[in-house]
Protein backbone atom coordinates (compact mmCIF):
# COMPACT_ATOMS: atom_id res chain seq x y z
CA UNK A 1 140.65 -236.98 74.38
CA UNK A 2 139.92 -238.62 77.59
CA UNK A 3 142.55 -239.32 80.13
CA UNK A 4 143.15 -240.10 83.64
CA UNK A 5 146.06 -239.57 85.77
CA UNK A 6 146.94 -241.29 89.07
CA UNK A 7 148.20 -238.73 91.41
CA UNK A 8 148.72 -241.11 94.31
CA UNK A 9 150.73 -244.05 92.99
CA UNK A 10 152.32 -244.63 96.52
CA UNK A 11 148.61 -245.44 97.72
CA UNK A 12 146.45 -246.69 94.55
CA UNK A 13 147.37 -248.42 91.27
CA UNK A 14 145.19 -247.57 88.24
CA UNK A 15 145.82 -247.91 84.49
CA UNK A 16 146.61 -244.29 83.54
CA UNK A 17 145.78 -243.72 79.70
CA UNK A 18 144.80 -240.91 77.03
CA UNK A 19 142.58 -242.20 74.36
CA UNK A 20 140.27 -240.41 71.52
CA UNK A 21 136.71 -240.27 71.83
CA UNK A 22 134.59 -240.04 68.53
CA UNK A 23 130.97 -239.92 68.12
CA UNK A 24 130.77 -243.59 68.35
CA UNK A 25 131.82 -243.32 72.22
CA UNK A 26 128.31 -241.68 72.44
CA UNK A 27 126.23 -243.62 70.34
CA UNK A 28 124.30 -245.00 73.64
CA UNK A 29 124.28 -241.44 75.10
CA UNK A 30 126.55 -240.56 77.99
CA UNK A 31 130.31 -241.90 77.72
CA UNK A 32 131.31 -244.20 80.78
CA UNK A 33 134.38 -245.70 81.82
CA UNK A 34 134.65 -248.87 84.22
CA UNK A 35 138.16 -249.08 85.63
CA UNK A 36 139.90 -250.80 88.55
CA UNK A 37 141.32 -249.07 91.29
CA UNK A 38 143.80 -251.26 93.48
CA UNK A 39 144.79 -249.96 97.04
CA UNK A 40 148.57 -250.42 97.66
CA UNK A 41 148.29 -249.28 101.10
CA UNK A 42 145.94 -247.09 103.77
CA UNK A 43 145.40 -243.54 102.73
CA UNK A 44 143.78 -240.90 100.71
CA UNK A 45 144.25 -240.48 97.05
CA UNK A 46 143.61 -238.63 94.22
CA UNK A 47 142.74 -239.25 90.39
CA UNK A 48 142.85 -236.55 87.70
CA UNK A 49 140.32 -237.12 85.04
CA UNK A 50 140.37 -234.49 81.97
CA UNK A 51 138.64 -234.10 78.81
CA UNK A 52 139.91 -232.00 76.18
CA UNK A 53 138.21 -231.05 73.01
CA UNK A 54 139.60 -230.52 69.29
CA UNK A 55 138.16 -228.35 66.99
CA UNK A 56 139.30 -227.53 63.37
CA UNK A 57 140.58 -224.36 62.75
CA UNK A 58 138.28 -221.65 61.99
CA UNK A 59 139.01 -218.89 59.55
CA UNK A 60 137.51 -215.23 59.68
CA UNK A 61 138.01 -211.86 59.32
CA UNK A 62 138.54 -209.06 62.26
CA UNK A 63 136.42 -205.99 62.84
CA UNK A 64 136.11 -203.23 65.02
CA UNK A 65 133.01 -202.75 67.03
CA UNK A 66 131.79 -199.38 68.10
CA UNK A 67 131.19 -198.41 71.93
CA UNK A 68 127.54 -198.78 72.93
CA UNK A 69 126.17 -195.23 72.30
CA UNK A 70 128.52 -194.57 69.31
CA UNK A 71 131.57 -192.76 69.05
CA UNK A 72 131.23 -189.53 71.31
């Protein structure tokens, strides 16, 4: 999941979104996004971009690992 959030809505306008990315999004290598930022007034601004990975649950068994050097 890729999302962009506008942290300065009083200074800039940008379309916020969240979109899932699949293998096809990376068919040409690196994924890129071209968007537009519009100034509403002078000043600094912030944008937060985040990528979250989702993987299928994995099953397994727990085990106890002895400390280095064995049990003393």
